[in-house]
Amino acid sequence: AFEHFGVARVDLKTDARNRRSRAAIEAIGATFEGVLRRWSRSWAPGED
């Protein structure tokens, strides 16, 4: 993305409750920018 597409920014998002996914994103050096409230469809069980 950076070296061929030439982007200025790469985004990653996950359910704010997903601690495992958030830890993995943080481990690769991505910066947390905040929580987008009621942003997208929930995939959690019972939350259709």
ModelCIF file with pLDDT and N, C-alpha, C, O atoms, coordinates in Angstrom:
data_MODEL
#
_entry.id   MODEL 
#
_entity.id                         1 
_entity.type                       polymer 
_entity.pdbx_number_of_molecules   1 
#
_entity_poly.entity_id                      1 
_entity_poly.type                           'polypeptide(L)' 
_entity_poly.nstd_linkage                   no 
_entity_poly.nstd_monomer                   no 
_entity_poly.pdbx_seq_one_letter_code       AFEHFGVARVDLKTDARNRRSRAAIEAIGATFEGVLRRWSRSWAPGED 
_entity_poly.pdbx_seq_one_letter_code_can   AFEHFGVARVDLKTDARNRRSRAAIEAIGATFEGVLRRWSRSWAPGED 
_entity_poly.pdbx_strand_id                 A 
#
loop_
_entity_poly_seq.entity_id 
_entity_poly_seq.num 
_entity_poly_seq.mon_id 
_entity_poly_seq.hetero 
1 1  ALA n 
1 2  PHE n 
1 3  GLU n 
1 4  HIS n 
1 5  PHE n 
1 6  GLY n 
1 7  VAL n 
1 8  ALA n 
1 9  ARG n 
1 10 VAL n 
1 11 ASP n 
1 12 LEU n 
1 13 LYS n 
1 14 THR n 
1 15 ASP n 
1 16 ALA n 
1 17 ARG n 
1 18 ASN n 
1 19 ARG n 
1 20 ARG n 
1 21 SER n 
1 22 ARG n 
1 23 ALA n 
1 24 ALA n 
1 25 ILE n 
1 26 GLU n 
1 27 ALA n 
1 28 ILE n 
1 29 GLY n 
1 30 ALA n 
1 31 THR n 
1 32 PHE n 
1 33 GLU n 
1 34 GLY n 
1 35 VAL n 
1 36 LEU n 
1 37 ARG n 
1 38 ARG n 
1 39 TRP n 
1 40 SER n 
1 41 ARG n 
1 42 SER n 
1 43 TRP n 
1 44 ALA n 
1 45 PRO n 
1 46 GLY n 
1 47 GLU n 
1 48 ASP n 
#
_struct_asym.id          A 
_struct_asym.entity_id   1 
#
loop_
_ma_qa_metric.id 
_ma_qa_metric.mode 
_ma_qa_metric.name 
_ma_qa_metric.software_group_id 
_ma_qa_metric.type 
1 global pLDDT . pLDDT 
2 local  pLDDT . pLDDT 
#
_ma_qa_metric_global.metric_id      1 
_ma_qa_metric_global.metric_value   92.31 
_ma_qa_metric_global.model_id       1 
_ma_qa_metric_global.ordinal_id     1 
#
loop_
_ma_qa_metric_local.label_asym_id 
_ma_qa_metric_local.label_comp_id 
_ma_qa_metric_local.label_seq_id 
_ma_qa_metric_local.metric_id 
_ma_qa_metric_local.metric_value 
_ma_qa_metric_local.model_id 
_ma_qa_metric_local.ordinal_id 
A ALA 1  2 97.00 1 1  
A PHE 2  2 97.00 1 2  
A GLU 3  2 95.00 1 3  
A HIS 4  2 94.00 1 4  
A PHE 5  2 94.00 1 5  
A GLY 6  2 94.00 1 6  
A VAL 7  2 96.00 1 7  
A ALA 8  2 96.00 1 8  
A ARG 9  2 97.00 1 9  
A VAL 10 2 98.00 1 10 
A ASP 11 2 97.00 1 11 
A LEU 12 2 96.00 1 12 
A LYS 13 2 95.00 1 13 
A THR 14 2 93.00 1 14 
A ASP 15 2 93.00 1 15 
A ALA 16 2 95.00 1 16 
A ARG 17 2 94.00 1 17 
A ASN 18 2 91.00 1 18 
A ARG 19 2 92.00 1 19 
A ARG 20 2 88.00 1 20 
A SER 21 2 90.00 1 21 
A ARG 22 2 93.00 1 22 
A ALA 23 2 92.00 1 23 
A ALA 24 2 89.00 1 24 
A ILE 25 2 93.00 1 25 
A GLU 26 2 93.00 1 26 
A ALA 27 2 90.00 1 27 
A ILE 28 2 89.00 1 28 
A GLY 29 2 91.00 1 29 
A ALA 30 2 95.00 1 30 
A THR 31 2 96.00 1 31 
A PHE 32 2 97.00 1 32 
A GLU 33 2 97.00 1 33 
A GLY 34 2 97.00 1 34 
A VAL 35 2 97.00 1 35 
A LEU 36 2 95.00 1 36 
A ARG 37 2 96.00 1 37 
A ARG 38 2 93.00 1 38 
A TRP 39 2 90.00 1 39 
A SER 40 2 90.00 1 40 
A ARG 41 2 90.00 1 41 
A SER 42 2 86.00 1 42 
A TRP 43 2 82.00 1 43 
A ALA 44 2 83.00 1 44 
A PRO 45 2 80.00 1 45 
A GLY 46 2 83.00 1 46 
A GLU 47 2 86.00 1 47 
A ASP 48 2 86.00 1 48 
#
loop_
_atom_site.group_PDB 
_atom_site.id 
_atom_site.type_symbol 
_atom_site.label_atom_id 
_atom_site.label_alt_id 
_atom_site.label_comp_id 
_atom_site.label_asym_id 
_atom_site.label_entity_id 
_atom_site.label_seq_id 
_atom_site.pdbx_PDB_ins_code 
_atom_site.Cartn_x 
_atom_site.Cartn_y 
_atom_site.Cartn_z 
_atom_site.occupancy 
_atom_site.B_iso_or_equiv 
_atom_site.pdbx_formal_charge 
_atom_site.auth_seq_id 
_atom_site.auth_comp_id 
_atom_site.auth_asym_id 
_atom_site.auth_atom_id 
_atom_site.pdbx_PDB_model_num 
ATOM 1   N N  . ALA A 1 1  ? 0.825   -1.212  0.000  1.00 97.00 ? 1  ALA A N  1 
ATOM 2   C CA . ALA A 1 1  ? 0.000   0.000   0.000  1.00 97.00 ? 1  ALA A CA 1 
ATOM 3   C C  . ALA A 1 1  ? 0.857   1.260   0.000  1.00 97.00 ? 1  ALA A C  1 
ATOM 4   O O  . ALA A 1 1  ? 0.578   2.198   -0.746 1.00 97.00 ? 1  ALA A O  1 
ATOM 5   N N  . PHE A 1 2  ? 1.898   1.289   0.829  1.00 97.00 ? 2  PHE A N  1 
ATOM 6   C CA . PHE A 1 2  ? 2.748   2.475   0.891  1.00 97.00 ? 2  PHE A CA 1 
ATOM 7   C C  . PHE A 1 2  ? 3.720   2.560   -0.287 1.00 97.00 ? 2  PHE A C  1 
ATOM 8   O O  . PHE A 1 2  ? 3.922   3.639   -0.844 1.00 97.00 ? 2  PHE A O  1 
ATOM 9   N N  . GLU A 1 3  ? 4.317   1.437   -0.666 1.00 95.00 ? 3  GLU A N  1 
ATOM 10  C CA . GLU A 1 3  ? 5.422   1.482   -1.618 1.00 95.00 ? 3  GLU A CA 1 
ATOM 11  C C  . GLU A 1 3  ? 4.985   1.355   -3.070 1.00 95.00 ? 3  GLU A C  1 
ATOM 12  O O  . GLU A 1 3  ? 5.748   1.704   -3.970 1.00 95.00 ? 3  GLU A O  1 
ATOM 13  N N  . HIS A 1 4  ? 3.771   0.862   -3.319 1.00 94.00 ? 4  HIS A N  1 
ATOM 14  C CA . HIS A 1 4  ? 3.299   0.732   -4.698 1.00 94.00 ? 4  HIS A CA 1 
ATOM 15  C C  . HIS A 1 4  ? 2.041   1.556   -4.966 1.00 94.00 ? 4  HIS A C  1 
ATOM 16  O O  . HIS A 1 4  ? 1.959   2.248   -5.980 1.00 94.00 ? 4  HIS A O  1 
ATOM 17  N N  . PHE A 1 5  ? 1.060   1.486   -4.064 1.00 94.00 ? 5  PHE A N  1 
ATOM 18  C CA . PHE A 1 5  ? -0.098  2.362   -4.229 1.00 94.00 ? 5  PHE A CA 1 
ATOM 19  C C  . PHE A 1 5  ? 0.250   3.808   -3.918 1.00 94.00 ? 5  PHE A C  1 
ATOM 20  O O  . PHE A 1 5  ? -0.373  4.732   -4.441 1.00 94.00 ? 5  PHE A O  1 
ATOM 21  N N  . GLY A 1 6  ? 1.259   4.000   -3.057 1.00 94.00 ? 6  GLY A N  1 
ATOM 22  C CA . GLY A 1 6  ? 1.679   5.352   -2.712 1.00 94.00 ? 6  GLY A CA 1 
ATOM 23  C C  . GLY A 1 6  ? 0.723   6.082   -1.788 1.00 94.00 ? 6  GLY A C  1 
ATOM 24  O O  . GLY A 1 6  ? 0.612   7.306   -1.851 1.00 94.00 ? 6  GLY A O  1 
ATOM 25  N N  . VAL A 1 7  ? 0.022   5.333   -0.917 1.00 96.00 ? 7  VAL A N  1 
ATOM 26  C CA . VAL A 1 7  ? -0.943  5.968   -0.032 1.00 96.00 ? 7  VAL A CA 1 
ATOM 27  C C  . VAL A 1 7  ? -0.240  6.759   1.064  1.00 96.00 ? 7  VAL A C  1 
ATOM 28  O O  . VAL A 1 7  ? 0.928   6.526   1.375  1.00 96.00 ? 7  VAL A O  1 
ATOM 29  N N  . ALA A 1 8  ? -0.980  7.696   1.638  1.00 96.00 ? 8  ALA A N  1 
ATOM 30  C CA . ALA A 1 8  ? -0.488  8.452   2.789  1.00 96.00 ? 8  ALA A CA 1 
ATOM 31  C C  . ALA A 1 8  ? -0.911  7.800   4.095  1.00 96.00 ? 8  ALA A C  1 
ATOM 32  O O  . ALA A 1 8  ? -0.391  8.138   5.158  1.00 96.00 ? 8  ALA A O  1 
ATOM 33  N N  . ARG A 1 9  ? -1.856  6.866   4.019  1.00 97.00 ? 9  ARG A N  1 
ATOM 34  C CA . ARG A 1 9  ? -2.457  6.323   5.243  1.00 97.00 ? 9  ARG A CA 1 
ATOM 35  C C  . ARG A 1 9  ? -3.054  4.942   4.974  1.00 97.00 ? 9  ARG A C  1 
ATOM 36  O O  . ARG A 1 9  ? -3.650  4.700   3.924  1.00 97.00 ? 9  ARG A O  1 
ATOM 37  N N  . VAL A 1 10 ? -2.878  4.036   5.956  1.00 98.00 ? 10 VAL A N  1 
ATOM 38  C CA . VAL A 1 10 ? -3.540  2.733   5.960  1.00 98.00 ? 10 VAL A CA 1 
ATOM 39  C C  . VAL A 1 10 ? -4.389  2.650   7.222  1.00 98.00 ? 10 VAL A C  1 
ATOM 40  O O  . VAL A 1 10 ? -3.900  2.897   8.325  1.00 98.00 ? 10 VAL A O  1 
ATOM 41  N N  . ASP A 1 11 ? -5.663  2.300   7.057  1.00 97.00 ? 11 ASP A N  1 
ATOM 42  C CA . ASP A 1 11 ? -6.587  2.162   8.181  1.00 97.00 ? 11 ASP A CA 1 
ATOM 43  C C  . ASP A 1 11 ? -6.801  0.693   8.534  1.00 97.00 ? 11 ASP A C  1 
ATOM 44  O O  . ASP A 1 11 ? -6.716  -0.185  7.675  1.00 97.00 ? 11 ASP A O  1 
ATOM 45  N N  . LEU A 1 12 ? -7.081  0.444   9.810  1.00 96.00 ? 12 LEU A N  1 
ATOM 46  C CA . LEU A 1 12 ? -7.540  -0.856  10.291 1.00 96.00 ? 12 LEU A CA 1 
ATOM 47  C C  . LEU A 1 12 ? -8.611  -0.594  11.338 1.00 96.00 ? 12 LEU A C  1 
ATOM 48  O O  . LEU A 1 12 ? -8.435  0.267   12.200 1.00 96.00 ? 12 LEU A O  1 
ATOM 49  N N  . LYS A 1 13 ? -9.735  -1.334  11.274 1.00 95.00 ? 13 LYS A N  1 
ATOM 50  C CA . LYS A 1 13 ? -10.819 -1.173  12.237 1.00 95.00 ? 13 LYS A CA 1 
ATOM 51  C C  . LYS A 1 13 ? -11.244 -2.532  12.771 1.00 95.00 ? 13 LYS A C  1 
ATOM 52  O O  . LYS A 1 13 ? -11.088 -3.555  12.104 1.00 95.00 ? 13 LYS A O  1 
ATOM 53  N N  . THR A 1 14 ? -11.785 -2.524  13.988 1.00 93.00 ? 14 THR A N  1 
ATOM 54  C CA . THR A 1 14 ? -12.320 -3.744  14.564 1.00 93.00 ? 14 THR A CA 1 
ATOM 55  C C  . THR A 1 14 ? -13.394 -3.374  15.578 1.00 93.00 ? 14 THR A C  1 
ATOM 56  O O  . THR A 1 14 ? -13.475 -2.229  16.023 1.00 93.00 ? 14 THR A O  1 
ATOM 57  N N  . ASP A 1 15 ? -14.209 -4.346  15.935 1.00 93.00 ? 15 ASP A N  1 
ATOM 58  C CA . ASP A 1 15 ? -15.190 -4.135  17.000 1.00 93.00 ? 15 ASP A CA 1 
ATOM 59  C C  . ASP A 1 15 ? -14.439 -3.652  18.243 1.00 93.00 ? 15 ASP A C  1 
ATOM 60  O O  . ASP A 1 15 ? -13.443 -4.255  18.642 1.00 93.00 ? 15 ASP A O  1 
ATOM 61  N N  . ALA A 1 16 ? -14.913 -2.574  18.850 1.00 95.00 ? 16 ALA A N  1 
ATOM 62  C CA . ALA A 1 16 ? -14.214 -1.988  19.998 1.00 95.00 ? 16 ALA A CA 1 
ATOM 63  C C  . ALA A 1 16 ? -14.101 -2.962  21.167 1.00 95.00 ? 16 ALA A C  1 
ATOM 64  O O  . ALA A 1 16 ? -13.221 -2.804  22.014 1.00 95.00 ? 16 ALA A O  1 
ATOM 65  N N  . ARG A 1 17 ? -14.973 -3.962  21.227 1.00 94.00 ? 17 ARG A N  1 
ATOM 66  C CA . ARG A 1 17 ? -14.932 -4.945  22.313 1.00 94.00 ? 17 ARG A CA 1 
ATOM 67  C C  . ARG A 1 17 ? -13.964 -6.089  22.049 1.00 94.00 ? 17 ARG A C  1 
ATOM 68  O O  . ARG A 1 17 ? -13.716 -6.906  22.935 1.00 94.00 ? 17 ARG A O  1 
ATOM 69  N N  . ASN A 1 18 ? -13.417 -6.157  20.847 1.00 91.00 ? 18 ASN A N  1 
ATOM 70  C CA . ASN A 1 18 ? -12.587 -7.296  20.452 1.00 91.00 ? 18 ASN A CA 1 
ATOM 71  C C  . ASN A 1 18 ? -11.148 -7.070  20.909 1.00 91.00 ? 18 ASN A C  1 
ATOM 72  O O  . ASN A 1 18 ? -10.309 -6.594  20.143 1.00 91.00 ? 18 ASN A O  1 
ATOM 73  N N  . ARG A 1 19 ? -10.876 -7.412  22.154 1.00 92.00 ? 19 ARG A N  1 
ATOM 74  C CA . ARG A 1 19 ? -9.552  -7.149  22.724 1.00 92.00 ? 19 ARG A CA 1 
ATOM 75  C C  . ARG A 1 19 ? -8.447  -7.922  21.996 1.00 92.00 ? 19 ARG A C  1 
ATOM 76  O O  . ARG A 1 19 ? -7.334  -7.417  21.849 1.00 92.00 ? 19 ARG A O  1 
ATOM 77  N N  . ARG A 1 20 ? -8.744  -9.122  21.548 1.00 88.00 ? 20 ARG A N  1 
ATOM 78  C CA . ARG A 1 20 ? -7.719  -9.902  20.856 1.00 88.00 ? 20 ARG A CA 1 
ATOM 79  C C  . ARG A 1 20 ? -7.331  -9.236  19.538 1.00 88.00 ? 20 ARG A C  1 
ATOM 80  O O  . ARG A 1 20 ? -6.147  -9.116  19.223 1.00 88.00 ? 20 ARG A O  1 
ATOM 81  N N  . SER A 1 21 ? -8.319  -8.808  18.778 1.00 90.00 ? 21 SER A N  1 
ATOM 82  C CA . SER A 1 21 ? -8.040  -8.144  17.511 1.00 90.00 ? 21 SER A CA 1 
ATOM 83  C C  . SER A 1 21 ? -7.339  -6.807  17.739 1.00 90.00 ? 21 SER A C  1 
ATOM 84  O O  . SER A 1 21 ? -6.409  -6.463  17.010 1.00 90.00 ? 21 SER A O  1 
ATOM 85  N N  . ARG A 1 22 ? -7.770  -6.068  18.726 1.00 93.00 ? 22 ARG A N  1 
ATOM 86  C CA . ARG A 1 22 ? -7.139  -4.774  19.007 1.00 93.00 ? 22 ARG A CA 1 
ATOM 87  C C  . ARG A 1 22 ? -5.679  -4.956  19.419 1.00 93.00 ? 22 ARG A C  1 
ATOM 88  O O  . ARG A 1 22 ? -4.817  -4.177  19.012 1.00 93.00 ? 22 ARG A O  1 
ATOM 89  N N  . ALA A 1 23 ? -5.404  -5.970  20.216 1.00 92.00 ? 23 ALA A N  1 
ATOM 90  C CA . ALA A 1 23 ? -4.025  -6.231  20.623 1.00 92.00 ? 23 ALA A CA 1 
ATOM 91  C C  . ALA A 1 23 ? -3.154  -6.581  19.423 1.00 92.00 ? 23 ALA A C  1 
ATOM 92  O O  . ALA A 1 23 ? -2.001  -6.158  19.346 1.00 92.00 ? 23 ALA A O  1 
ATOM 93  N N  . ALA A 1 24 ? -3.702  -7.353  18.484 1.00 89.00 ? 24 ALA A N  1 
ATOM 94  C CA . ALA A 1 24 ? -2.934  -7.722  17.291 1.00 89.00 ? 24 ALA A CA 1 
ATOM 95  C C  . ALA A 1 24 ? -2.653  -6.507  16.430 1.00 89.00 ? 24 ALA A C  1 
ATOM 96  O O  . ALA A 1 24 ? -1.558  -6.381  15.881 1.00 89.00 ? 24 ALA A O  1 
ATOM 97  N N  . ILE A 1 25 ? -3.619  -5.609  16.300 1.00 93.00 ? 25 ILE A N  1 
ATOM 98  C CA . ILE A 1 25 ? -3.424  -4.392  15.514 1.00 93.00 ? 25 ILE A CA 1 
ATOM 99  C C  . ILE A 1 25 ? -2.392  -3.494  16.182 1.00 93.00 ? 25 ILE A C  1 
ATOM 100 O O  . ILE A 1 25 ? -1.526  -2.934  15.510 1.00 93.00 ? 25 ILE A O  1 
ATOM 101 N N  . GLU A 1 26 ? -2.482  -3.357  17.489 1.00 93.00 ? 26 GLU A N  1 
ATOM 102 C CA . GLU A 1 26 ? -1.518  -2.535  18.210 1.00 93.00 ? 26 GLU A CA 1 
ATOM 103 C C  . GLU A 1 26 ? -0.116  -3.109  18.133 1.00 93.00 ? 26 GLU A C  1 
ATOM 104 O O  . GLU A 1 26 ? 0.863   -2.363  18.104 1.00 93.00 ? 26 GLU A O  1 
ATOM 105 N N  . ALA A 1 27 ? -0.012  -4.443  18.099 1.00 90.00 ? 27 ALA A N  1 
ATOM 106 C CA . ALA A 1 27 ? 1.293   -5.088  18.062 1.00 90.00 ? 27 ALA A CA 1 
ATOM 107 C C  . ALA A 1 27 ? 2.049   -4.807  16.772 1.00 90.00 ? 27 ALA A C  1 
ATOM 108 O O  . ALA A 1 27 ? 3.279   -4.853  16.758 1.00 90.00 ? 27 ALA A O  1 
ATOM 109 N N  . ILE A 1 28 ? 1.333   -4.514  15.680 1.00 89.00 ? 28 ILE A N  1 
ATOM 110 C CA . ILE A 1 28 ? 2.036   -4.208  14.434 1.00 89.00 ? 28 ILE A CA 1 
ATOM 111 C C  . ILE A 1 28 ? 2.385   -2.729  14.325 1.00 89.00 ? 28 ILE A C  1 
ATOM 112 O O  . ILE A 1 28 ? 2.958   -2.299  13.325 1.00 89.00 ? 28 ILE A O  1 
ATOM 113 N N  . GLY A 1 29 ? 2.041   -1.944  15.355 1.00 91.00 ? 29 GLY A N  1 
ATOM 114 C CA . GLY A 1 29 ? 2.462   -0.549  15.383 1.00 91.00 ? 29 GLY A CA 1 
ATOM 115 C C  . GLY A 1 29 ? 1.437   0.448   14.912 1.00 91.00 ? 29 GLY A C  1 
ATOM 116 O O  . GLY A 1 29 ? 1.766   1.617   14.708 1.00 91.00 ? 29 GLY A O  1 
ATOM 117 N N  . ALA A 1 30 ? 0.188   0.018   14.731 1.00 95.00 ? 30 ALA A N  1 
ATOM 118 C CA . ALA A 1 30 ? -0.846  0.962   14.323 1.00 95.00 ? 30 ALA A CA 1 
ATOM 119 C C  . ALA A 1 30 ? -1.242  1.838   15.507 1.00 95.00 ? 30 ALA A C  1 
ATOM 120 O O  . ALA A 1 30 ? -1.250  1.390   16.653 1.00 95.00 ? 30 ALA A O  1 
ATOM 121 N N  . THR A 1 31 ? -1.567  3.085   15.213 1.00 96.00 ? 31 THR A N  1 
ATOM 122 C CA . THR A 1 31 ? -1.927  4.058   16.243 1.00 96.00 ? 31 THR A CA 1 
ATOM 123 C C  . THR A 1 31 ? -3.436  4.085   16.445 1.00 96.00 ? 31 THR A C  1 
ATOM 124 O O  . THR A 1 31 ? -4.199  4.195   15.486 1.00 96.00 ? 31 THR A O  1 
ATOM 125 N N  . PHE A 1 32 ? -3.860  3.983   17.704 1.00 97.00 ? 32 PHE A N  1 
ATOM 126 C CA . PHE A 1 32 ? -5.278  4.053   18.037 1.00 97.00 ? 32 PHE A CA 1 
ATOM 127 C C  . PHE A 1 32 ? -5.745  5.499   17.912 1.00 97.00 ? 32 PHE A C  1 
ATOM 128 O O  . PHE A 1 32 ? -5.146  6.404   18.493 1.00 97.00 ? 32 PHE A O  1 
ATOM 129 N N  . GLU A 1 33 ? -6.807  5.709   17.157 1.00 97.00 ? 33 GLU A N  1 
ATOM 130 C CA . GLU A 1 33 ? -7.310  7.061   16.922 1.00 97.00 ? 33 GLU A CA 1 
ATOM 131 C C  . GLU A 1 33 ? -8.639  7.342   17.610 1.00 97.00 ? 33 GLU A C  1 
ATOM 132 O O  . GLU A 1 33 ? -9.067  8.495   17.666 1.00 97.00 ? 33 GLU A O  1 
ATOM 133 N N  . GLY A 1 34 ? -9.297  6.319   18.130 1.00 97.00 ? 34 GLY A N  1 
ATOM 134 C CA . GLY A 1 34 ? -10.549 6.543   18.828 1.00 97.00 ? 34 GLY A CA 1 
ATOM 135 C C  . GLY A 1 34 ? -11.597 5.516   18.449 1.00 97.00 ? 34 GLY A C  1 
ATOM 136 O O  . GLY A 1 34 ? -11.357 4.630   17.630 1.00 97.00 ? 34 GLY A O  1 
ATOM 137 N N  . VAL A 1 35 ? -12.754 5.651   19.056 1.00 97.00 ? 35 VAL A N  1 
ATOM 138 C CA . VAL A 1 35 ? -13.874 4.740   18.815 1.00 97.00 ? 35 VAL A CA 1 
ATOM 139 C C  . VAL A 1 35 ? -14.959 5.476   18.039 1.00 97.00 ? 35 VAL A C  1 
ATOM 140 O O  . VAL A 1 35 ? -15.419 6.546   18.438 1.00 97.00 ? 35 VAL A O  1 
ATOM 141 N N  . LEU A 1 36 ? -15.354 4.875   16.926 1.00 95.00 ? 36 LEU A N  1 
ATOM 142 C CA . LEU A 1 36 ? -16.445 5.405   16.109 1.00 95.00 ? 36 LEU A CA 1 
ATOM 143 C C  . LEU A 1 36 ? -17.724 4.742   16.596 1.00 95.00 ? 36 LEU A C  1 
ATOM 144 O O  . LEU A 1 36 ? -17.947 3.555   16.357 1.00 95.00 ? 36 LEU A O  1 
ATOM 145 N N  . ARG A 1 37 ? -18.550 5.502   17.271 1.00 96.00 ? 37 ARG A N  1 
ATOM 146 C CA . ARG A 1 37 ? -19.726 4.924   17.923 1.00 96.00 ? 37 ARG A CA 1 
ATOM 147 C C  . ARG A 1 37 ? -20.810 4.560   16.922 1.00 96.00 ? 37 ARG A C  1 
ATOM 148 O O  . ARG A 1 37 ? -21.134 5.322   16.011 1.00 96.00 ? 37 ARG A O  1 
ATOM 149 N N  . ARG A 1 38 ? -21.371 3.343   17.128 1.00 93.00 ? 38 ARG A N  1 
ATOM 150 C CA . ARG A 1 38 ? -22.428 2.819   16.254 1.00 93.00 ? 38 ARG A CA 1 
ATOM 151 C C  . ARG A 1 38 ? -22.039 2.990   14.782 1.00 93.00 ? 38 ARG A C  1 
ATOM 152 O O  . ARG A 1 38 ? -22.799 3.544   13.987 1.00 93.00 ? 38 ARG A O  1 
ATOM 153 N N  . TRP A 1 39 ? -20.858 2.511   14.440 1.00 90.00 ? 39 TRP A N  1 
ATOM 154 C CA . TRP A 1 39 ? -20.257 2.797   13.135 1.00 90.00 ? 39 TRP A CA 1 
ATOM 155 C C  . TRP A 1 39 ? -20.659 1.812   12.056 1.00 90.00 ? 39 TRP A C  1 
ATOM 156 O O  . TRP A 1 39 ? -20.933 2.211   10.924 1.00 90.00 ? 39 TRP A O  1 
ATOM 157 N N  . SER A 1 40 ? -20.697 0.537   12.388 1.00 90.00 ? 40 SER A N  1 
ATOM 158 C CA . SER A 1 40 ? -20.965 -0.461  11.355 1.00 90.00 ? 40 SER A CA 1 
ATOM 159 C C  . SER A 1 40 ? -21.683 -1.658  11.947 1.00 90.00 ? 40 SER A C  1 
ATOM 160 O O  . SER A 1 40 ? -21.833 -1.773  13.164 1.00 90.00 ? 40 SER A O  1 
ATOM 161 N N  . ARG A 1 41 ? -22.118 -2.536  11.081 1.00 90.00 ? 41 ARG A N  1 
ATOM 162 C CA . ARG A 1 41 ? -22.904 -3.700  11.491 1.00 90.00 ? 41 ARG A CA 1 
ATOM 163 C C  . ARG A 1 41 ? -22.149 -4.556  12.505 1.00 90.00 ? 41 ARG A C  1 
ATOM 164 O O  . ARG A 1 41 ? -20.952 -4.803  12.355 1.00 90.00 ? 41 ARG A O  1 
ATOM 165 N N  . SER A 1 42 ? -22.856 -4.998  13.527 1.00 86.00 ? 42 SER A N  1 
ATOM 166 C CA . SER A 1 42 ? -22.268 -5.915  14.497 1.00 86.00 ? 42 SER A CA 1 
ATOM 167 C C  . SER A 1 42 ? -22.361 -7.344  13.988 1.00 86.00 ? 42 SER A C  1 
ATOM 168 O O  . SER A 1 42 ? -23.374 -7.751  13.418 1.00 86.00 ? 42 SER A O  1 
ATOM 169 N N  . TRP A 1 43 ? -21.276 -8.109  14.203 1.00 82.00 ? 43 TRP A N  1 
ATOM 170 C CA . TRP A 1 43 ? -21.265 -9.523  13.847 1.00 82.00 ? 43 TRP A CA 1 
ATOM 171 C C  . TRP A 1 43 ? -21.288 -10.403 15.092 1.00 82.00 ? 43 TRP A C  1 
ATOM 172 O O  . TRP A 1 43 ? -21.177 -11.625 14.992 1.00 82.00 ? 43 TRP A O  1 
ATOM 173 N N  . ALA A 1 44 ? -21.433 -9.786  16.271 1.00 83.00 ? 44 ALA A N  1 
ATOM 174 C CA . ALA A 1 44 ? -21.461 -10.560 17.512 1.00 83.00 ? 44 ALA A CA 1 
ATOM 175 C C  . ALA A 1 44 ? -22.743 -11.387 17.596 1.00 83.00 ? 44 ALA A C  1 
ATOM 176 O O  . ALA A 1 44 ? -23.793 -10.943 17.133 1.00 83.00 ? 44 ALA A O  1 
ATOM 177 N N  . PRO A 1 45 ? -22.670 -12.577 18.176 1.00 80.00 ? 45 PRO A N  1 
ATOM 178 C CA . PRO A 1 45 ? -23.866 -13.416 18.312 1.00 80.00 ? 45 PRO A CA 1 
ATOM 179 C C  . PRO A 1 45 ? -24.991 -12.672 19.037 1.00 80.00 ? 45 PRO A C  1 
ATOM 180 O O  . PRO A 1 45 ? -24.756 -12.000 20.041 1.00 80.00 ? 45 PRO A O  1 
ATOM 181 N N  . GLY A 1 46 ? -26.203 -12.801 18.520 1.00 83.00 ? 46 GLY A N  1 
ATOM 182 C CA . GLY A 1 46 ? -27.355 -12.188 19.144 1.00 83.00 ? 46 GLY A CA 1 
ATOM 183 C C  . GLY A 1 46 ? -27.538 -10.715 18.858 1.00 83.00 ? 46 GLY A C  1 
ATOM 184 O O  . GLY A 1 46 ? -28.415 -10.073 19.436 1.00 83.00 ? 46 GLY A O  1 
ATOM 185 N N  . GLU A 1 47 ? -26.708 -10.165 17.959 1.00 86.00 ? 47 GLU A N  1 
ATOM 186 C CA . GLU A 1 47 ? -26.781 -8.732  17.673 1.00 86.00 ? 47 GLU A CA 1 
ATOM 187 C C  . GLU A 1 47 ? -27.165 -8.442  16.221 1.00 86.00 ? 47 GLU A C  1 
ATOM 188 O O  . GLU A 1 47 ? -26.784 -7.407  15.674 1.00 86.00 ? 47 GLU A O  1 
ATOM 189 N N  . ASP A 1 48 ? -27.901 -9.330  15.610 1.00 86.00 ? 48 ASP A N  1 
ATOM 190 C CA . ASP A 1 48 ? -28.377 -9.104  14.239 1.00 86.00 ? 48 ASP A CA 1 
ATOM 191 C C  . ASP A 1 48 ? -29.168 -7.801  14.175 1.00 86.00 ? 48 ASP A C  1 
ATOM 192 O O  . ASP A 1 48 ? -29.657 -7.427  13.109 1.00 86.00 ? 48 ASP A O  1 
#
